[in-house]
Amino acid sequence: MPASYVYLGPEGTFTEVALRTLPESATRELVPMVSVPAALDAVRTGEAEAAFVPIENSVEGGITTTLDELVAGAPLMIYREVLLSITFALLVRPGTKISDIKTVTAHPAAQPQVRNWMKANLPPGVLWESAASNADGARLVQEGRYDAAFAGEFAASRYGLEALETEIHDAENAQTRFVLVGRPARPAAPTGTDKTSVVIWQRDDHPGGLRDLLGEFAVRGVNLMLLQSRPTGEGIGNYCFAIDAEGHISDRRVAEALMGLKRVCLQVRFLGSYPRADATTAKIRPTPQGTSDAEFVAAADWVARCQDGRF
């Protein structure tokens, strides 16, 4: 397997900045890719060891391109996550003034994070066009195809641009979550501050169906951190559900919740158990709710004794 990590490029993206915070990135070749699907496909075909891609932001929620790529195709698994605080700069060719700007570009996920700033600060009628990434938007401005791009200030020198405005954001403390994705393997040992990601498909559509599936987590005291529906491609109203849950698959309460889902769902795709970037310990309901690992073990032992006539 090549000792390389691929990421959403080109050079100068927030994805690259976040990737370089991982200690192991210093010992890998970092290769930019033109899109999230291209990055994940490089892992599936064995061209790269892992891919580093955005999956969620605190303003718009899940990055649908990444979620859909993890739902479809050959299985992949999440190994790590990184949280990065996001602020944008308005990058232009030298000499450009605010009044000169008629077209702007950036990744689609950036638009909800700068929409109000654009309305308040740019000339009326400015046209927005989406780019494959924020850094690619900067490259397009360098080539003269657009007047300005929203990107990280660090991308300005790389593309021969200047930052006309900095610290641009509609939401305070905006963050994007990135994940390191590889081929399926044994999950790393639990750290005590983990999360588990899965995708589930209902067996059939009926009243309370989703409630029943989420109940597999609730009755075992497993807290959910993300729930997002994605269309299956099989017609209007057909959805699967991406879920992030607190805890590790080796935790008894999480393992039993996943077993419950496997029994009742049409399909369950395990996307990994991995350390939380915020290092927050999972919330476990206190005794007598019966949701600690020790209580699950004690209950299993009791059933075994009953089966052996030792109750």
C-alpha atoms as a PDB file:
ATOM      1  CA  MET A   1       0.000   0.000   0.000  1.00  0.00           C
ATOM      2  CA  PRO A   2       1.520   3.405  -0.955  1.00  0.00           C
ATOM      3  CA  ALA A   3       2.527   5.546   2.047  1.00  0.00           C
ATOM      4  CA  SER A   4       0.354   8.415   0.867  1.00  0.00           C
ATOM      5  CA  TYR A   5      -2.693  10.312   2.021  1.00  0.00           C
ATOM      6  CA  VAL A   6      -4.924  11.935  -0.576  1.00  0.00           C
ATOM      7  CA  TYR A   7      -7.105  14.922   0.241  1.00  0.00           C
ATOM      8  CA  LEU A   8      -9.579  17.342  -1.308  1.00  0.00           C
ATOM      9  CA  GLY A   9      -7.330  19.696  -3.257  1.00  0.00           C
ATOM     10  CA  PRO A  10      -5.772  21.548  -4.820  1.00  0.00           C
ATOM     11  CA  GLU A  11      -3.061  22.770  -2.445  1.00  0.00           C
ATOM     12  CA  GLY A  12      -4.232  25.498  -0.106  1.00  0.00           C
ATOM     13  CA  THR A  13      -7.576  24.042   1.030  1.00  0.00           C
ATOM     14  CA  PHE A  14      -8.829  23.990   4.590  1.00  0.00           C
ATOM     15  CA  THR A  15      -8.678  20.207   4.162  1.00  0.00           C
ATOM     16  CA  GLU A  16      -4.907  20.354   3.665  1.00  0.00           C
ATOM     17  CA  VAL A  17      -4.496  22.589   6.726  1.00  0.00           C
ATOM     18  CA  ALA A  18      -6.531  20.175   8.851  1.00  0.00           C
ATOM     19  CA  LEU A  19      -4.665  17.141   7.489  1.00  0.00           C
ATOM     20  CA  ARG A  20      -1.319  18.620   8.454  1.00  0.00           C
ATOM     21  CA  THR A  21      -2.428  18.695  12.103  1.00  0.00           C
ATOM     22  CA  LEU A  22      -2.222  14.877  12.159  1.00  0.00           C
ATOM     23  CA  PRO A  23       1.243  13.780  13.343  1.00  0.00           C
ATOM     24  CA  GLU A  24       1.337  10.890  10.870  1.00  0.00           C
ATOM     25  CA  SER A  25       0.920  13.293   7.931  1.00  0.00           C
ATOM     26  CA  ALA A  26       4.603  14.216   8.331  1.00  0.00           C
ATOM     27  CA  THR A  27       5.628  10.710   7.262  1.00  0.00           C
ATOM     28  CA  ARG A  28       3.275  10.406   4.264  1.00  0.00           C
ATOM     29  CA  GLU A  29       3.196  11.872   0.814  1.00  0.00           C
ATOM     30  CA  LEU A  30       0.206  14.232   0.699  1.00  0.00           C
ATOM     31  CA  VAL A  31      -1.501  14.192  -2.682  1.00  0.00           C
ATOM     32  CA  PRO A  32      -4.296  16.643  -3.627  1.00  0.00           C
ATOM     33  CA  MET A  33      -7.286  15.275  -5.549  1.00  0.00           C
ATOM     34  CA  VAL A  34      -9.858  17.107  -7.644  1.00  0.00           C
ATOM     35  CA  SER A  35     -12.889  15.945  -5.635  1.00  0.00           C
ATOM     36  CA  VAL A  36     -14.071  13.936  -2.637  1.00  0.00           C
ATOM     37  CA  PRO A  37     -15.173  11.003  -4.859  1.00  0.00           C
ATOM     38  CA  ALA A  38     -11.739  10.947  -6.525  1.00  0.00           C
ATOM     39  CA  ALA A  39     -10.006  10.905  -3.125  1.00  0.00           C
ATOM     40  CA  LEU A  40     -12.135   8.035  -1.793  1.00  0.00           C
ATOM     41  CA  ASP A  41     -11.827   6.069  -5.027  1.00  0.00           C
ATOM     42  CA  ALA A  42      -8.028   6.289  -4.729  1.00  0.00           C
ATOM     43  CA  VAL A  43      -8.331   4.408  -1.427  1.00  0.00           C
ATOM     44  CA  ARG A  44     -10.749   1.840  -2.849  1.00  0.00           C
ATOM     45  CA  THR A  45      -8.400   1.051  -5.764  1.00  0.00           C
ATOM     46  CA  GLY A  46      -5.307   0.853  -3.561  1.00  0.00           C
ATOM     47  CA  GLU A  47      -3.632   3.944  -5.014  1.00  0.00           C
ATOM     48  CA  ALA A  48      -3.536   5.587  -1.578  1.00  0.00           C
ATOM     49  CA  GLU A  49      -3.361   4.466   2.028  1.00  0.00           C
ATOM     50  CA  ALA A  50      -6.101   6.826   3.204  1.00  0.00           C
ATOM     51  CA  ALA A  51      -8.170   9.842   2.179  1.00  0.00           C
ATOM     52  CA  PHE A  52      -8.794  12.962   4.234  1.00  0.00           C
ATOM     53  CA  VAL A  53     -12.085  14.701   3.447  1.00  0.00           C
ATOM     54  CA  PRO A  54     -14.638  17.080   5.026  1.00  0.00           C
ATOM     55  CA  ILE A  55     -17.768  15.406   6.371  1.00  0.00           C
ATOM     56  CA  GLU A  56     -19.672  17.970   8.488  1.00  0.00           C
ATOM     57  CA  ASN A  57     -19.742  21.661   9.318  1.00  0.00           C
ATOM     58  CA  SER A  58     -21.389  23.439  12.199  1.00  0.00           C
ATOM     59  CA  VAL A  59     -23.428  25.739   9.939  1.00  0.00           C
ATOM     60  CA  GLU A  60     -24.960  23.407   7.329  1.00  0.00           C
ATOM     61  CA  GLY A  61     -24.510  19.982   8.880  1.00  0.00           C
ATOM     62  CA  GLY A  62     -23.315  16.977   6.901  1.00  0.00           C
ATOM     63  CA  ILE A  63     -21.292  17.333   3.699  1.00  0.00           C
ATOM     64  CA  THR A  64     -23.605  15.378   1.414  1.00  0.00           C
ATOM     65  CA  THR A  65     -20.979  14.470  -1.190  1.00  0.00           C
ATOM     66  CA  THR A  66     -18.854  12.734   1.432  1.00  0.00           C
ATOM     67  CA  LEU A  67     -21.796  11.034   3.119  1.00  0.00           C
ATOM     68  CA  ASP A  68     -23.135   9.739  -0.183  1.00  0.00           C
ATOM     69  CA  GLU A  69     -19.730   8.385  -1.193  1.00  0.00           C
ATOM     70  CA  LEU A  70     -19.415   6.533   2.115  1.00  0.00           C
ATOM     71  CA  VAL A  71     -22.935   5.125   1.727  1.00  0.00           C
ATOM     72  CA  ALA A  72     -22.387   3.828  -1.813  1.00  0.00           C
ATOM     73  CA  GLY A  73     -19.635   1.779  -3.383  1.00  0.00           C
ATOM     74  CA  ALA A  74     -17.144  -0.573  -1.731  1.00  0.00           C
ATOM     75  CA  PRO A  75     -17.083  -0.172   2.067  1.00  0.00           C
ATOM     76  CA  LEU A  76     -14.621   2.230   3.667  1.00  0.00           C
ATOM     77  CA  MET A  77     -13.957   3.015   7.321  1.00  0.00           C
ATOM     78  CA  ILE A  78     -13.267   6.182   9.313  1.00  0.00           C
ATOM     79  CA  TYR A  79     -10.090   6.070  11.425  1.00  0.00           C
ATOM     80  CA  ARG A  80      -9.641   9.615  12.717  1.00  0.00           C
ATOM     81  CA  GLU A  81     -11.385  12.975  12.815  1.00  0.00           C
ATOM     82  CA  VAL A  82     -10.163  16.565  13.055  1.00  0.00           C
ATOM     83  CA  LEU A  83     -12.088  19.728  13.951  1.00  0.00           C
ATOM     84  CA  LEU A  84     -10.914  22.971  12.358  1.00  0.00           C
ATOM     85  CA  SER A  85     -12.222  26.464  13.103  1.00  0.00           C
ATOM     86  CA  ILE A  86     -13.151  28.178   9.840  1.00  0.00           C
ATOM     87  CA  THR A  87     -12.967  31.827   8.845  1.00  0.00           C
ATOM     88  CA  PHE A  88     -12.755  33.040   5.268  1.00  0.00           C
ATOM     89  CA  ALA A  89     -10.824  35.713   3.432  1.00  0.00           C
ATOM     90  CA  LEU A  90     -11.982  37.422   0.255  1.00  0.00           C
ATOM     91  CA  LEU A  91      -9.129  36.753  -2.190  1.00  0.00           C
ATOM     92  CA  VAL A  92      -8.690  38.889  -5.297  1.00  0.00           C
ATOM     93  CA  ARG A  93      -6.082  39.667  -7.912  1.00  0.00           C
ATOM     94  CA  PRO A  94      -3.831  42.572  -6.856  1.00  0.00           C
ATOM     95  CA  GLY A  95      -5.444  45.928  -7.498  1.00  0.00           C
ATOM     96  CA  THR A  96      -9.043  44.671  -7.376  1.00  0.00           C
ATOM     97  CA  LYS A  97     -11.437  46.798  -5.310  1.00  0.00           C
ATOM     98  CA  ILE A  98     -14.733  45.783  -3.737  1.00  0.00           C
ATOM     99  CA  SER A  99     -16.613  47.798  -6.344  1.00  0.00           C
ATOM    100  CA  ASP A 100     -14.921  45.775  -9.130  1.00  0.00           C
ATOM    101  CA  ILE A 101     -16.313  42.469  -7.946  1.00  0.00           C
ATOM    102  CA  LYS A 102     -19.095  41.026 -10.101  1.00  0.00           C
ATOM    103  CA  THR A 103     -18.450  37.280  -9.661  1.00  0.00           C
ATOM    104  CA  VAL A 104     -17.333  35.241  -6.638  1.00  0.00           C
ATOM    105  CA  THR A 105     -16.624  31.552  -6.139  1.00  0.00           C
ATOM    106  CA  ALA A 106     -15.928  28.970  -3.430  1.00  0.00           C
ATOM    107  CA  HIS A 107     -16.915  25.460  -2.407  1.00  0.00           C
ATOM    108  CA  PRO A 108     -20.724  25.131  -2.038  1.00  0.00           C
ATOM    109  CA  ALA A 109     -20.358  24.517   1.715  1.00  0.00           C
ATOM    110  CA  ALA A 110     -18.832  27.983   2.083  1.00  0.00           C
ATOM    111  CA  GLN A 111     -21.870  29.881   0.781  1.00  0.00           C
ATOM    112  CA  PRO A 112     -24.094  29.472   3.869  1.00  0.00           C
ATOM    113  CA  GLN A 113     -21.164  30.631   6.005  1.00  0.00           C
ATOM    114  CA  VAL A 114     -20.644  33.939   4.122  1.00  0.00           C
ATOM    115  CA  ARG A 115     -24.088  34.669   2.627  1.00  0.00           C
ATOM    116  CA  ASN A 116     -25.008  37.502   5.003  1.00  0.00           C
ATOM    117  CA  TRP A 117     -21.546  39.052   4.746  1.00  0.00           C
ATOM    118  CA  MET A 118     -21.856  39.082   0.938  1.00  0.00           C
ATOM    119  CA  LYS A 119     -25.237  40.794   1.117  1.00  0.00           C
ATOM    120  CA  ALA A 120     -23.909  43.471   3.460  1.00  0.00           C
ATOM    121  CA  ASN A 121     -20.517  44.118   1.865  1.00  0.00           C
ATOM    122  CA  LEU A 122     -20.450  43.254  -1.850  1.00  0.00           C
ATOM    123  CA  PRO A 123     -22.073  45.183  -4.698  1.00  0.00           C
ATOM    124  CA  PRO A 124     -25.700  44.260  -5.511  1.00  0.00           C
ATOM    125  CA  GLY A 125     -26.128  41.505  -8.067  1.00  0.00           C
ATOM    126  CA  VAL A 126     -22.817  39.737  -7.461  1.00  0.00           C
ATOM    127  CA  LEU A 127     -22.991  36.295  -9.080  1.00  0.00           C
ATOM    128  CA  TRP A 128     -21.985  33.226  -7.055  1.00  0.00           C
ATOM    129  CA  GLU A 129     -20.518  30.196  -8.845  1.00  0.00           C
ATOM    130  CA  SER A 130     -19.499  27.029  -7.020  1.00  0.00           C
ATOM    131  CA  ALA A 131     -15.993  25.579  -7.245  1.00  0.00           C
ATOM    132  CA  ALA A 132     -14.714  22.070  -6.498  1.00  0.00           C
ATOM    133  CA  SER A 133     -12.970  23.453  -3.389  1.00  0.00           C
ATOM    134  CA  ASN A 134     -12.166  26.817  -1.846  1.00  0.00           C
ATOM    135  CA  ALA A 135      -8.566  26.583  -3.041  1.00  0.00           C
ATOM    136  CA  ASP A 136      -9.757  25.698  -6.532  1.00  0.00           C
ATOM    137  CA  GLY A 137     -11.835  28.872  -6.395  1.00  0.00           C
ATOM    138  CA  ALA A 138      -8.651  30.813  -5.613  1.00  0.00           C
ATOM    139  CA  ARG A 139      -6.958  29.188  -8.606  1.00  0.00           C
ATOM    140  CA  LEU A 140      -9.872  30.211 -10.850  1.00  0.00           C
ATOM    141  CA  VAL A 141      -9.536  33.805  -9.651  1.00  0.00           C
ATOM    142  CA  GLN A 142      -5.812  33.664 -10.440  1.00  0.00           C
ATOM    143  CA  GLU A 143      -6.696  32.536 -13.965  1.00  0.00           C
ATOM    144  CA  GLY A 144      -9.111  35.469 -14.344  1.00  0.00           C
ATOM    145  CA  ARG A 145     -12.307  33.401 -14.534  1.00  0.00           C
ATOM    146  CA  TYR A 146     -13.812  35.042 -11.434  1.00  0.00           C
ATOM    147  CA  ASP A 147     -13.230  38.330  -9.648  1.00  0.00           C
ATOM    148  CA  ALA A 148     -12.973  36.986  -6.090  1.00  0.00           C
ATOM    149  CA  ALA A 149     -12.965  33.781  -4.048  1.00  0.00           C
ATOM    150  CA  PHE A 150     -13.786  32.937  -0.454  1.00  0.00           C
ATOM    151  CA  ALA A 151     -10.951  30.796   0.857  1.00  0.00           C
ATOM    152  CA  GLY A 152      -8.445  30.571   3.684  1.00  0.00           C
ATOM    153  CA  GLU A 153      -6.164  33.595   3.952  1.00  0.00           C
ATOM    154  CA  PHE A 154      -3.217  31.173   3.752  1.00  0.00           C
ATOM    155  CA  ALA A 155      -4.149  30.417   0.112  1.00  0.00           C
ATOM    156  CA  ALA A 156      -3.491  33.996  -1.055  1.00  0.00           C
ATOM    157  CA  SER A 157       0.303  33.757  -1.462  1.00  0.00           C
ATOM    158  CA  ARG A 158       0.053  30.313  -3.075  1.00  0.00           C
ATOM    159  CA  TYR A 159      -2.115  31.664  -5.895  1.00  0.00           C
ATOM    160  CA  GLY A 160      -0.635  35.140  -6.265  1.00  0.00           C
ATOM    161  CA  LEU A 161      -3.683  36.838  -4.758  1.00  0.00           C
ATOM    162  CA  GLU A 162      -4.262  39.288  -1.961  1.00  0.00           C
ATOM    163  CA  ALA A 163      -6.768  39.206   0.878  1.00  0.00           C
ATOM    164  CA  LEU A 164      -9.134  42.140   0.418  1.00  0.00           C
ATOM    165  CA  GLU A 165     -11.034  41.221   3.602  1.00  0.00           C
ATOM    166  CA  THR A 166     -10.303  38.679   6.349  1.00  0.00           C
ATOM    167  CA  GLU A 167     -12.081  37.080   9.311  1.00  0.00           C
ATOM    168  CA  ILE A 168     -15.278  36.633   7.281  1.00  0.00           C
ATOM    169  CA  HIS A 169     -17.989  34.417   8.784  1.00  0.00           C
ATOM    170  CA  ASP A 170     -21.720  34.620   9.394  1.00  0.00           C
ATOM    171  CA  ALA A 171     -21.596  32.287  12.406  1.00  0.00           C
ATOM    172  CA  GLU A 172     -19.268  32.681  15.368  1.00  0.00           C
ATOM    173  CA  ASN A 173     -17.072  29.686  16.186  1.00  0.00           C
ATOM    174  CA  ALA A 174     -17.848  27.909  12.919  1.00  0.00           C
ATOM    175  CA  GLN A 175     -16.076  24.572  12.585  1.00  0.00           C
ATOM    176  CA  THR A 176     -15.675  21.883   9.963  1.00  0.00           C
ATOM    177  CA  ARG A 177     -15.136  18.230  10.802  1.00  0.00           C
ATOM    178  CA  PHE A 178     -12.756  16.224   8.626  1.00  0.00           C
ATOM    179  CA  VAL A 179     -12.216  12.456   8.643  1.00  0.00           C
ATOM    180  CA  LEU A 180      -9.374  10.141   7.694  1.00  0.00           C
ATOM    181  CA  VAL A 181     -10.864   7.269   5.692  1.00  0.00           C
ATOM    182  CA  GLY A 182      -9.209   3.951   4.818  1.00  0.00           C
ATOM    183  CA  ARG A 183     -10.067   0.408   3.894  1.00  0.00           C
ATOM    184  CA  PRO A 184     -12.012  -1.665   6.447  1.00  0.00           C
ATOM    185  CA  ALA A 185      -9.893  -3.117   9.253  1.00  0.00           C
ATOM    186  CA  ARG A 186     -10.090  -3.847  12.954  1.00  0.00           C
ATOM    187  CA  PRO A 187     -11.045  -0.610  14.781  1.00  0.00           C
ATOM    188  CA  ALA A 188      -8.401   0.904  17.033  1.00  0.00           C
ATOM    189  CA  ALA A 189      -8.683   0.161  20.733  1.00  0.00           C
ATOM    190  CA  PRO A 190     -11.184   2.325  22.623  1.00  0.00           C
ATOM    191  CA  THR A 191      -9.851   5.508  24.193  1.00  0.00           C
ATOM    192  CA  GLY A 192     -12.838   6.312  26.424  1.00  0.00           C
ATOM    193  CA  THR A 193     -13.632   9.330  24.233  1.00  0.00           C
ATOM    194  CA  ASP A 194     -14.866   7.679  21.046  1.00  0.00           C
ATOM    195  CA  LYS A 195     -17.709   7.809  18.557  1.00  0.00           C
ATOM    196  CA  THR A 196     -19.174   5.177  16.251  1.00  0.00           C
ATOM    197  CA  SER A 197     -20.566   5.896  12.793  1.00  0.00           C
ATOM    198  CA  VAL A 198     -23.070   3.745  10.891  1.00  0.00           C
ATOM    199  CA  VAL A 199     -25.560   3.994   8.040  1.00  0.00           C
ATOM    200  CA  ILE A 200     -28.890   2.177   8.367  1.00  0.00           C
ATOM    201  CA  TRP A 201     -31.626   1.244   5.900  1.00  0.00           C
ATOM    202  CA  GLN A 202     -35.210   0.566   7.021  1.00  0.00           C
ATOM    203  CA  ARG A 203     -36.678  -2.803   6.076  1.00  0.00           C
ATOM    204  CA  ASP A 204     -39.982  -1.124   5.213  1.00  0.00           C
ATOM    205  CA  ASP A 205     -41.699   2.237   5.599  1.00  0.00           C
ATOM    206  CA  HIS A 206     -44.267   2.292   8.402  1.00  0.00           C
ATOM    207  CA  PRO A 207     -45.494   4.694  11.118  1.00  0.00           C
ATOM    208  CA  GLY A 208     -42.901   4.939  13.883  1.00  0.00           C
ATOM    209  CA  GLY A 209     -40.297   3.066  11.849  1.00  0.00           C
ATOM    210  CA  LEU A 210     -37.473   5.501  12.494  1.00  0.00           C
ATOM    211  CA  ARG A 211     -38.475   5.794  16.156  1.00  0.00           C
ATOM    212  CA  ASP A 212     -38.155   2.023  16.463  1.00  0.00           C
ATOM    213  CA  LEU A 213     -34.657   2.064  14.991  1.00  0.00           C
ATOM    214  CA  LEU A 214     -33.496   4.938  17.188  1.00  0.00           C
ATOM    215  CA  GLY A 215     -34.987   3.102  20.152  1.00  0.00           C
ATOM    216  CA  GLU A 216     -32.213   0.513  19.779  1.00  0.00           C
ATOM    217  CA  PHE A 217     -29.835   3.243  20.949  1.00  0.00           C
ATOM    218  CA  ALA A 218     -32.164   4.868  23.460  1.00  0.00           C
ATOM    219  CA  VAL A 219     -32.983   1.793  25.526  1.00  0.00           C
ATOM    220  CA  ARG A 220     -29.262   1.102  25.918  1.00  0.00           C
ATOM    221  CA  GLY A 221     -28.406   4.648  26.908  1.00  0.00           C
ATOM    222  CA  VAL A 222     -26.373   5.458  23.778  1.00  0.00           C
ATOM    223  CA  ASN A 223     -26.406   9.164  22.950  1.00  0.00           C
ATOM    224  CA  LEU A 224     -26.588  10.221  19.285  1.00  0.00           C
ATOM    225  CA  MET A 225     -24.437  13.047  17.930  1.00  0.00           C
ATOM    226  CA  LEU A 226     -25.616  13.146  14.303  1.00  0.00           C
ATOM    227  CA  LEU A 227     -28.665  11.886  12.436  1.00  0.00           C
ATOM    228  CA  GLN A 228     -28.952  12.735   8.758  1.00  0.00           C
ATOM    229  CA  SER A 229     -31.192  11.263   6.090  1.00  0.00           C
ATOM    230  CA  ARG A 230     -29.877  10.643   2.578  1.00  0.00           C
ATOM    231  CA  PRO A 231     -31.893   9.501  -0.443  1.00  0.00           C
ATOM    232  CA  THR A 232     -31.271   5.933  -1.561  1.00  0.00           C
ATOM    233  CA  GLY A 233     -31.841   6.738  -5.224  1.00  0.00           C
ATOM    234  CA  GLU A 234     -34.838   4.404  -5.321  1.00  0.00           C
ATOM    235  CA  GLY A 235     -37.522   7.083  -5.558  1.00  0.00           C
ATOM    236  CA  ILE A 236     -39.064   9.923  -3.571  1.00  0.00           C
ATOM    237  CA  GLY A 237     -39.419   9.111   0.110  1.00  0.00           C
ATOM    238  CA  ASN A 238     -36.765   6.360   0.182  1.00  0.00           C
ATOM    239  CA  TYR A 239     -33.989   7.263   2.600  1.00  0.00           C
ATOM    240  CA  CYS A 240     -31.151   5.757   4.570  1.00  0.00           C
ATOM    241  CA  PHE A 241     -29.845   7.372   7.764  1.00  0.00           C
ATOM    242  CA  ALA A 242     -26.286   8.306   8.701  1.00  0.00           C
ATOM    243  CA  ILE A 243     -25.734   8.174  12.460  1.00  0.00           C
ATOM    244  CA  ASP A 244     -22.892   9.139  14.791  1.00  0.00           C
ATOM    245  CA  ALA A 245     -23.232   7.689  18.286  1.00  0.00           C
ATOM    246  CA  GLU A 246     -21.175   8.227  21.409  1.00  0.00           C
ATOM    247  CA  GLY A 247     -18.990   5.303  22.374  1.00  0.00           C
ATOM    248  CA  HIS A 248     -16.954   2.502  20.781  1.00  0.00           C
ATOM    249  CA  ILE A 249     -18.152  -0.725  19.197  1.00  0.00           C
ATOM    250  CA  SER A 250     -16.314  -2.608  21.956  1.00  0.00           C
ATOM    251  CA  ASP A 251     -18.570  -0.913  24.552  1.00  0.00           C
ATOM    252  CA  ARG A 252     -21.289  -3.406  25.413  1.00  0.00           C
ATOM    253  CA  ARG A 253     -24.114  -0.882  25.148  1.00  0.00           C
ATOM    254  CA  VAL A 254     -22.953   0.211  21.661  1.00  0.00           C
ATOM    255  CA  ALA A 255     -22.360  -3.356  20.463  1.00  0.00           C
ATOM    256  CA  GLU A 256     -25.811  -4.443  21.624  1.00  0.00           C
ATOM    257  CA  ALA A 257     -27.426  -1.426  19.926  1.00  0.00           C
ATOM    258  CA  LEU A 258     -25.706  -2.364  16.659  1.00  0.00           C
ATOM    259  CA  MET A 259     -26.797  -5.989  17.057  1.00  0.00           C
ATOM    260  CA  GLY A 260     -30.360  -4.772  17.557  1.00  0.00           C
ATOM    261  CA  LEU A 261     -30.159  -2.697  14.390  1.00  0.00           C
ATOM    262  CA  LYS A 262     -28.685  -5.601  12.422  1.00  0.00           C
ATOM    263  CA  ARG A 263     -31.665  -7.752  13.419  1.00  0.00           C
ATOM    264  CA  VAL A 264     -34.343  -5.283  12.315  1.00  0.00           C
ATOM    265  CA  CYS A 265     -32.757  -3.224   9.506  1.00  0.00           C
ATOM    266  CA  LEU A 266     -32.620  -4.084   5.835  1.00  0.00           C
ATOM    267  CA  GLN A 267     -28.926  -3.147   5.902  1.00  0.00           C
ATOM    268  CA  VAL A 268     -26.401  -1.673   8.339  1.00  0.00           C
ATOM    269  CA  ARG A 269     -23.059  -0.277   7.160  1.00  0.00           C
ATOM    270  CA  PHE A 270     -20.432   0.137   9.885  1.00  0.00           C
ATOM    271  CA  LEU A 271     -18.271   3.203   9.181  1.00  0.00           C
ATOM    272  CA  GLY A 272     -15.945   2.864  12.154  1.00  0.00           C
ATOM    273  CA  SER A 273     -15.286   3.562  15.821  1.00  0.00           C
ATOM    274  CA  TYR A 274     -12.629   6.224  16.346  1.00  0.00           C
ATOM    275  CA  PRO A 275     -11.433   8.873  18.824  1.00  0.00           C
ATOM    276  CA  ARG A 276     -13.494  12.040  19.096  1.00  0.00           C
ATOM    277  CA  ALA A 277     -11.590  15.163  18.105  1.00  0.00           C
ATOM    278  CA  ASP A 278     -12.997  17.045  21.097  1.00  0.00           C
ATOM    279  CA  ALA A 279     -11.904  14.241  23.482  1.00  0.00           C
ATOM    280  CA  THR A 280     -15.288  14.348  25.248  1.00  0.00           C
ATOM    281  CA  THR A 281     -16.232  11.313  27.335  1.00  0.00           C
ATOM    282  CA  ALA A 282     -19.502   9.604  26.384  1.00  0.00           C
ATOM    283  CA  LYS A 283     -22.550  10.397  28.512  1.00  0.00           C
ATOM    284  CA  ILE A 284     -23.623   7.225  30.341  1.00  0.00           C
ATOM    285  CA  ARG A 285     -26.862   7.279  32.302  1.00  0.00           C
ATOM    286  CA  PRO A 286     -26.123   6.409  35.924  1.00  0.00           C
ATOM    287  CA  THR A 287     -27.292   3.311  37.753  1.00  0.00           C
ATOM    288  CA  PRO A 288     -30.074   2.167  38.178  1.00  0.00           C
ATOM    289  CA  GLN A 289     -30.681   2.763  34.464  1.00  0.00           C
ATOM    290  CA  GLY A 290     -28.544  -0.290  33.625  1.00  0.00           C
ATOM    291  CA  THR A 291     -26.468   1.152  30.773  1.00  0.00           C
ATOM    292  CA  SER A 292     -22.896   0.749  32.016  1.00  0.00           C
ATOM    293  CA  ASP A 293     -20.661  -1.971  30.577  1.00  0.00           C
ATOM    294  CA  ALA A 294     -20.522  -3.663  33.983  1.00  0.00           C
ATOM    295  CA  GLU A 295     -24.326  -3.895  34.095  1.00  0.00           C
ATOM    296  CA  PHE A 296     -24.482  -5.362  30.590  1.00  0.00           C
ATOM    297  CA  VAL A 297     -21.866  -7.975  31.561  1.00  0.00           C
ATOM    298  CA  ALA A 298     -23.710  -8.823  34.786  1.00  0.00           C
ATOM    299  CA  ALA A 299     -26.995  -9.241  32.903  1.00  0.00           C
ATOM    300  CA  ALA A 300     -25.354 -11.539  30.321  1.00  0.00           C
ATOM    301  CA  ASP A 301     -23.806 -13.623  33.106  1.00  0.00           C
ATOM    302  CA  TRP A 302     -27.209 -13.930  34.792  1.00  0.00           C
ATOM    303  CA  VAL A 303     -28.812 -15.212  31.572  1.00  0.00           C
ATOM    304  CA  ALA A 304     -25.975 -17.727  31.177  1.00  0.00           C
ATOM    305  CA  ARG A 305     -26.504 -18.983  34.725  1.00  0.00           C
ATOM    306  CA  CYS A 306     -30.244 -19.329  34.105  1.00  0.00           C
ATOM    307  CA  GLN A 307     -29.518 -21.378  30.990  1.00  0.00           C
ATOM    308  CA  ASP A 308     -27.249 -23.630  33.055  1.00  0.00           C
ATOM    309  CA  GLY A 309     -29.789 -23.956  35.866  1.00  0.00           C
ATOM    310  CA  ARG A 310     -27.586 -22.006  38.257  1.00  0.00           C
ATOM    311  CA  PHE A 311     -29.961 -19.149  39.045  1.00  0.00           C
END
